[in-house]
Amino acid sequence: MKLFGPECNNLRGADVKGLFVNLLATLALPVAAGQETFEVEHQKLIVNGGSEDIYHYHDVTCEIFTVEQGNLIAFVNGESMPLERGATIIMEPGDKHKMVNEGSESATVIETRLNVSEGDRHSA
């Protein structure tokens, strides 16, 4: 698991004038045995106030969550982390995790899933 926020300042120059890249992470992921493709899903999640996901993990899928609006609490490998607007958290394969919205307002999260494999969601 890796956590990033809008305060990250590891900017580095690029070859295009005026363009800067804020490198958040470099990931090396395993591909499931027998898997011929590397699937990526990108979606918007609405987490209603007072709701939560189940505590789970993935064997090969990596998930990147960025809070677009609202506040959440991420529970990862036994630790809790508050996530505010602009925060990004990366769940690597094997990270046990869930998102909780303890507030009354909905939260919006952009999720990118890498190396998606059918059946790769297990209760923790």
Protein backbone atom coordinates (compact mmCIF):
# COMPACT_ATOMS: atom_id res chain seq x y z
CA MET A 1 0.00 0.00 0.00
CA LYS A 2 1.19 3.50 -0.83
CA LEU A 3 -0.51 6.76 0.10
CA PHE A 4 -0.14 10.05 -1.76
CA GLY A 5 -1.82 13.43 -1.38
CA PRO A 6 -2.03 16.74 -3.20
CA GLU A 7 0.95 17.97 -1.17
CA CYS A 8 3.34 15.60 -2.98
CA ASN A 9 6.08 17.64 -4.60
CA ASN A 10 8.33 15.13 -6.33
CA LEU A 11 7.99 17.06 -9.60
CA ARG A 12 10.55 16.52 -12.29
CA GLY A 13 11.05 18.25 -15.61
CA ALA A 14 9.93 16.74 -18.87
CA ASP A 15 11.08 17.29 -22.45
CA VAL A 16 8.12 19.57 -23.20
CA LYS A 17 8.48 23.19 -22.07
CA GLY A 18 6.06 24.00 -19.27
CA LEU A 19 5.16 20.35 -18.60
CA PHE A 20 6.01 18.78 -15.28
CA VAL A 21 5.37 15.20 -14.26
CA ASN A 22 4.45 14.29 -10.70
CA LEU A 23 5.53 10.65 -10.57
CA LEU A 24 3.37 8.97 -7.96
CA ALA A 25 4.48 5.37 -8.25
CA THR A 26 6.12 2.75 -10.38
CA LEU A 27 4.51 -0.66 -10.06
CA ALA A 28 5.78 -4.09 -11.05
CA LEU A 29 2.84 -6.48 -10.99
CA PRO A 30 2.59 -10.24 -11.45
CA VAL A 31 0.37 -11.57 -14.24
CA ALA A 32 -1.93 -14.45 -13.36
CA ALA A 33 -0.84 -17.87 -14.65
CA GLY A 34 -2.36 -18.53 -18.04
CA GLN A 35 -3.42 -14.89 -18.46
CA GLU A 36 -2.82 -13.59 -21.99
CA THR A 37 -3.86 -9.96 -21.50
CA PHE A 38 -3.26 -7.21 -18.97
CA GLU A 39 -6.67 -5.66 -18.24
CA VAL A 40 -7.12 -2.12 -16.91
CA GLU A 41 -10.44 -0.73 -15.63
CA HIS A 42 -11.01 2.94 -14.83
CA GLN A 43 -14.23 3.89 -13.07
CA LYS A 44 -15.94 6.41 -10.81
CA LEU A 45 -17.29 5.16 -7.49
CA ILE A 46 -19.95 6.86 -5.37
CA VAL A 47 -19.67 5.85 -1.71
CA ASN A 48 -22.86 6.87 0.08
CA GLY A 49 -22.68 8.33 3.57
CA GLY A 50 -22.68 5.66 6.26
CA SER A 51 -21.64 2.84 3.91
CA GLU A 52 -18.57 0.62 3.61
CA ASP A 53 -17.07 -2.12 1.49
CA ILE A 54 -16.14 -5.55 2.86
CA TYR A 55 -12.57 -6.14 4.04
CA HIS A 56 -10.93 -8.00 1.16
CA TYR A 57 -7.76 -8.52 -0.88
CA HIS A 58 -6.69 -9.46 -4.41
CA ASP A 59 -3.99 -11.92 -5.49
CA VAL A 60 -2.89 -10.11 -8.65
CA THR A 61 -5.09 -7.02 -9.07
CA CYS A 62 -3.70 -3.62 -8.10
CA GLU A 63 -6.16 -0.79 -7.32
CA ILE A 64 -5.49 2.95 -7.35
CA PHE A 65 -8.06 5.14 -5.60
CA THR A 66 -8.15 8.96 -5.80
CA VAL A 67 -10.71 10.84 -3.71
CA GLU A 68 -12.41 13.35 -5.99
CA GLN A 69 -14.98 14.63 -3.47
CA GLY A 70 -15.75 13.99 0.18
CA ASN A 71 -13.89 12.08 2.88
CA LEU A 72 -13.28 8.38 3.48
CA ILE A 73 -11.35 6.16 5.83
CA ALA A 74 -9.19 3.45 4.26
CA PHE A 75 -8.55 0.38 6.38
CA VAL A 76 -5.42 -1.34 5.02
CA ASN A 77 -3.59 -4.26 6.60
CA GLY A 78 -4.97 -3.42 10.06
CA GLU A 79 -4.30 0.34 9.88
CA SER A 80 -6.80 3.15 9.33
CA MET A 81 -6.02 6.22 7.22
CA PRO A 82 -8.28 9.22 6.64
CA LEU A 83 -8.53 10.18 2.97
CA GLU A 84 -9.57 13.69 1.96
CA ARG A 85 -10.19 15.26 -1.45
CA GLY A 86 -7.11 14.82 -3.66
CA ALA A 87 -5.60 11.90 -1.72
CA THR A 88 -4.48 8.85 -3.71
CA ILE A 89 -3.92 5.41 -2.24
CA ILE A 90 -2.56 2.35 -4.04
CA MET A 91 -3.60 -1.14 -2.99
CA GLU A 92 -1.01 -3.63 -4.12
CA PRO A 93 -1.79 -7.34 -4.55
CA GLY A 94 -2.19 -8.92 -1.11
CA ASP A 95 -3.13 -5.68 0.71
CA LYS A 96 -6.21 -6.36 2.85
CA HIS A 97 -8.44 -3.30 2.54
CA LYS A 98 -11.82 -1.61 2.61
CA MET A 99 -13.17 1.95 2.28
CA VAL A 100 -15.57 3.42 4.82
CA ASN A 101 -17.63 6.60 4.59
CA GLU A 102 -18.54 7.53 8.17
CA GLY A 103 -20.02 10.88 7.13
CA SER A 104 -23.53 11.73 5.99
CA GLU A 105 -22.49 13.05 2.55
CA SER A 106 -21.50 10.88 -0.41
CA ALA A 107 -17.86 10.62 -1.47
CA THR A 108 -16.67 10.28 -5.07
CA VAL A 109 -13.62 8.16 -5.86
CA ILE A 110 -11.82 7.53 -9.14
CA GLU A 111 -10.61 3.92 -9.22
CA THR A 112 -8.13 2.42 -11.64
CA ARG A 113 -7.74 -1.37 -11.48
CA LEU A 114 -4.66 -2.96 -13.06
CA ASN A 115 -4.16 -6.59 -14.01
CA VAL A 116 -7.84 -7.33 -13.42
CA SER A 117 -8.48 -11.05 -13.14
CA GLU A 118 -11.94 -12.63 -12.81
CA GLY A 119 -12.53 -14.08 -9.34
CA ASP A 120 -9.62 -12.15 -7.81
CA ARG A 121 -11.53 -10.73 -4.82
CA HIS A 122 -11.27 -12.63 -1.56
CA SER A 123 -12.80 -11.88 1.86
CA ALA A 124 -10.12 -11.15 4.45
